[in-house]
Amino acid sequence: MRSKHTTRINKQTGSILIISLIILVAMTLIGITAMRTSVMEEKMAGNMRNKELAFQAAEATLRAAEQNIQDNIISTASFDTDGSDGLYNFSTANDSTRNDRIWETITDWYSDNETLEYTAFSTDYNLEKAPRYVIQHLATTGNDNDKLNMDNMGQGTGGGNIEAFLITVRATGGNSNSAVILQSTWGKRL
C-alpha cells in the first residue's frame, strides 16, 4: 500500500522553482539599481568637491589680488589697453574699441601674456592649474560729486583721489570642467 505522502510528492510540478527564479531576478535588478545609484552619487560628490575646490582657489586668489593692489600698485601708468601683463585700462571710448568685459576676450587664461598667476597654492590642493587673474583700472574718483556711497550720501573721498579696480579671477578644481570665475571691485587711494 502506498502512503499519502509519496503520492503528494509525485504531484508537484516545480512551481517553487519558478517563484524562486522570479524572486532572484527581482533581487538582482534591485542590486544593479542600487549599484548604479551609488556610482552616480559618488560622481556627484566628486564633482561637488571639484567645484568647491575651484571656488576656494578663486576666493583665495581674489584676496591675494586685492593685497597685490594694496601693496604693489603705486600708479595707474602700467595699466594699458592691451593688458600684456594682466593689467588692463578701462576704455572710455564709445566705439568698437571699447571693452568693458575684458575677461570675456582673454583667449588663454593660462598665458603669462594676458593674466597674472597666483602661485601660493601647492600641489597638495590637487588643482589642475594655478589660478589666474586680471586687474582692470576702472575709474578715478576725487571731486565732491564723486562720493563713495550710493546716491552721494555719506562721506566723500577725503584726502585725495581713489582709484577703482575690477579684479577678475579664474580658477579650476581637480579638472578643467570645474572652472569658477569671481570678480571684486577694489578701491585704493594713490
Protein backbone atom coordinates (compact mmCIF):
# COMPACT_ATOMS: atom_id res chain seq x y z
CA MET A 1 0.00 0.00 0.00
CA ARG A 2 1.24 3.44 -0.88
CA SER A 3 1.30 6.20 1.62
CA LYS A 4 -0.33 9.57 1.02
CA HIS A 5 2.98 11.35 1.48
CA THR A 6 4.57 9.66 -1.53
CA THR A 7 1.64 10.49 -3.75
CA ARG A 8 1.80 14.16 -2.83
CA ILE A 9 5.49 14.44 -3.84
CA ASN A 10 4.86 12.96 -7.24
CA LYS A 11 2.13 15.53 -8.00
CA GLN A 12 4.38 18.63 -7.50
CA THR A 13 5.11 20.43 -10.78
CA GLY A 14 8.10 22.66 -9.77
CA SER A 15 6.20 25.88 -9.06
CA ILE A 16 8.56 26.74 -6.20
CA LEU A 17 11.46 26.75 -8.66
CA ILE A 18 9.71 29.29 -10.91
CA ILE A 19 8.79 31.50 -7.93
CA SER A 20 12.36 31.40 -6.57
CA LEU A 21 13.76 32.34 -10.01
CA ILE A 22 11.37 35.33 -10.21
CA ILE A 23 12.45 36.46 -6.74
CA LEU A 24 16.10 36.01 -7.69
CA VAL A 25 15.66 38.16 -10.84
CA ALA A 26 13.87 40.87 -8.81
CA MET A 27 16.65 40.92 -6.21
CA THR A 28 19.29 41.12 -8.96
CA LEU A 29 17.52 44.11 -10.53
CA ILE A 30 17.32 45.84 -7.14
CA GLY A 31 21.05 45.20 -6.57
CA ILE A 32 22.02 46.57 -10.00
CA THR A 33 19.90 49.69 -9.44
CA ALA A 34 21.49 50.23 -6.02
CA MET A 35 24.99 49.93 -7.52
CA ARG A 36 24.16 52.42 -10.30
CA THR A 37 22.76 54.86 -7.76
CA SER A 38 25.87 54.50 -5.61
CA VAL A 39 28.18 55.14 -8.57
CA MET A 40 26.14 58.20 -9.59
CA GLU A 41 26.22 59.60 -6.05
CA GLU A 42 30.00 59.13 -5.94
CA LYS A 43 30.40 61.02 -9.22
CA MET A 44 28.17 63.81 -7.91
CA ALA A 45 30.25 64.04 -4.72
CA GLY A 46 33.46 64.22 -6.76
CA ASN A 47 32.03 66.98 -8.96
CA MET A 48 30.91 68.92 -5.89
CA ARG A 49 34.39 68.58 -4.39
CA ASN A 50 35.95 69.90 -7.61
CA LYS A 51 33.53 72.83 -7.69
CA GLU A 52 34.24 73.72 -4.05
CA LEU A 53 37.98 73.38 -4.61
CA ALA A 54 37.77 75.74 -7.61
CA PHE A 55 35.66 78.22 -5.64
CA GLN A 56 38.05 78.23 -2.67
CA ALA A 57 41.03 78.70 -5.00
CA ALA A 58 39.27 81.59 -6.77
CA GLU A 59 38.35 83.21 -3.45
CA ALA A 60 41.92 82.98 -2.15
CA THR A 61 43.25 84.36 -5.43
CA LEU A 62 40.79 87.25 -5.26
CA ARG A 63 42.07 88.18 -1.79
CA ALA A 64 45.67 87.90 -2.98
CA ALA A 65 44.96 90.16 -5.98
CA GLU A 66 43.40 92.75 -3.65
CA GLN A 67 46.52 92.57 -1.50
CA ASN A 68 48.65 92.92 -4.64
CA ILE A 69 46.86 96.19 -5.44
CA GLN A 70 47.27 97.39 -1.87
CA ASP A 71 50.98 96.54 -1.69
CA ASN A 72 52.32 96.98 -5.23
CA ILE A 73 50.20 99.39 -7.30
CA ILE A 74 51.51 102.92 -6.81
CA SER A 75 50.22 104.46 -10.05
CA THR A 76 47.94 103.59 -12.93
CA ALA A 77 50.65 104.16 -15.55
CA SER A 78 51.23 100.43 -16.06
CA PHE A 79 47.57 99.83 -16.99
CA ASP A 80 47.09 99.79 -20.75
CA THR A 81 44.51 98.56 -23.25
CA ASP A 82 46.45 95.51 -24.47
CA GLY A 83 46.85 94.01 -20.99
CA SER A 84 50.10 92.33 -21.93
CA ASP A 85 50.93 91.95 -18.24
CA GLY A 86 47.48 91.19 -16.83
CA LEU A 87 46.84 94.89 -16.09
CA TYR A 88 44.14 96.46 -18.25
CA ASN A 89 42.82 100.00 -18.50
CA PHE A 90 39.10 100.61 -18.83
CA SER A 91 38.49 102.23 -22.19
CA THR A 92 36.14 105.21 -22.19
CA ALA A 93 35.76 105.21 -25.97
CA ASN A 94 32.24 104.79 -27.29
CA ASP A 95 33.26 102.88 -30.40
CA SER A 96 34.14 99.30 -31.24
CA THR A 97 37.47 99.51 -29.37
CA ARG A 98 35.70 99.85 -26.02
CA ASN A 99 35.78 96.70 -23.95
CA ASP A 100 34.03 96.76 -20.58
CA ARG A 101 34.10 92.99 -20.16
CA ILE A 102 37.79 92.30 -20.59
CA TRP A 103 37.60 88.82 -19.01
CA GLU A 104 35.45 87.58 -21.91
CA THR A 105 38.08 88.46 -24.51
CA ILE A 106 41.01 86.66 -22.93
CA THR A 107 41.86 83.83 -25.30
CA ASP A 108 44.16 81.88 -22.99
CA TRP A 109 43.65 82.31 -19.25
CA TYR A 110 46.86 80.39 -18.61
CA SER A 111 49.09 82.61 -20.70
CA ASP A 112 51.64 84.84 -18.99
CA ASN A 113 50.94 87.46 -21.67
CA GLU A 114 47.35 88.12 -20.65
CA THR A 115 46.94 87.16 -16.98
CA LEU A 116 48.77 87.04 -13.65
CA GLU A 117 49.33 83.75 -11.82
CA TYR A 118 48.64 83.15 -8.14
CA THR A 119 51.32 80.70 -7.07
CA ALA A 120 50.56 80.28 -3.36
CA PHE A 121 48.66 77.02 -3.95
CA SER A 122 50.87 73.96 -3.59
CA THR A 123 50.34 70.65 -5.35
CA ASP A 124 48.71 69.36 -2.15
CA TYR A 125 45.46 71.02 -3.22
CA ASN A 126 45.27 68.94 -6.42
CA LEU A 127 44.31 71.86 -8.64
CA GLU A 128 44.63 71.17 -12.34
CA LYS A 129 46.29 74.55 -12.89
CA ALA A 130 47.24 77.50 -10.72
CA PRO A 131 44.53 80.20 -10.52
CA ARG A 132 44.98 83.29 -12.73
CA TYR A 133 43.66 86.84 -12.50
CA VAL A 134 43.50 90.17 -14.31
CA ILE A 135 43.18 93.66 -12.84
CA GLN A 136 41.32 96.36 -14.73
CA HIS A 137 41.58 100.02 -13.77
CA LEU A 138 38.02 101.36 -13.87
CA ALA A 139 37.97 104.99 -12.81
CA THR A 140 39.30 107.74 -10.59
CA THR A 141 37.05 109.38 -8.04
CA GLY A 142 38.02 112.57 -6.32
CA ASN A 143 35.74 115.59 -6.55
CA ASP A 144 32.85 116.38 -4.23
CA ASN A 145 30.33 114.89 -6.66
CA ASP A 146 32.08 111.51 -6.65
CA LYS A 147 31.08 110.11 -3.27
CA LEU A 148 31.97 106.60 -2.23
CA ASN A 149 28.46 105.72 -1.11
CA MET A 150 25.36 105.29 -3.21
CA ASP A 151 23.22 108.31 -4.07
CA ASN A 152 26.02 110.62 -2.91
CA MET A 153 25.17 110.00 0.71
CA GLY A 154 27.89 109.59 3.25
CA GLN A 155 31.45 110.75 3.24
CA GLY A 156 33.47 111.98 0.31
CA THR A 157 36.86 110.64 -0.65
CA GLY A 158 38.65 112.66 1.98
CA GLY A 159 42.30 113.31 1.32
CA GLY A 160 42.62 112.53 -2.37
CA ASN A 161 41.62 110.53 -5.36
CA ILE A 162 40.62 106.92 -5.11
CA GLU A 163 41.40 104.58 -7.98
CA ALA A 164 38.79 101.87 -8.59
CA PHE A 165 39.91 98.48 -9.89
CA LEU A 166 37.99 95.44 -11.12
CA ILE A 167 39.65 92.12 -10.32
CA THR A 168 38.60 89.03 -12.27
CA VAL A 169 39.82 85.59 -11.19
CA ARG A 170 39.55 82.22 -12.94
CA ALA A 171 40.35 79.01 -11.09
CA THR A 172 39.80 75.31 -11.73
CA GLY A 173 39.39 72.41 -9.38
CA GLY A 174 40.74 68.92 -9.97
CA ASN A 175 39.88 69.13 -13.68
CA SER A 176 39.17 71.82 -16.25
CA ASN A 177 35.42 71.13 -16.21
CA SER A 178 35.07 72.80 -12.81
CA ALA A 179 36.07 76.37 -13.63
CA VAL A 180 34.98 79.28 -11.42
CA ILE A 181 35.18 82.99 -12.28
CA LEU A 182 34.87 85.55 -9.47
CA GLN A 183 35.06 89.33 -9.53
CA SER A 184 35.65 92.03 -6.98
CA THR A 185 35.83 95.81 -7.12
CA TRP A 186 38.65 97.31 -5.06
CA GLY A 187 39.49 100.92 -4.32
CA LYS A 188 42.83 102.39 -3.32
CA ARG A 189 43.94 105.93 -2.62
CA LEU A 190 47.09 106.66 -4.60
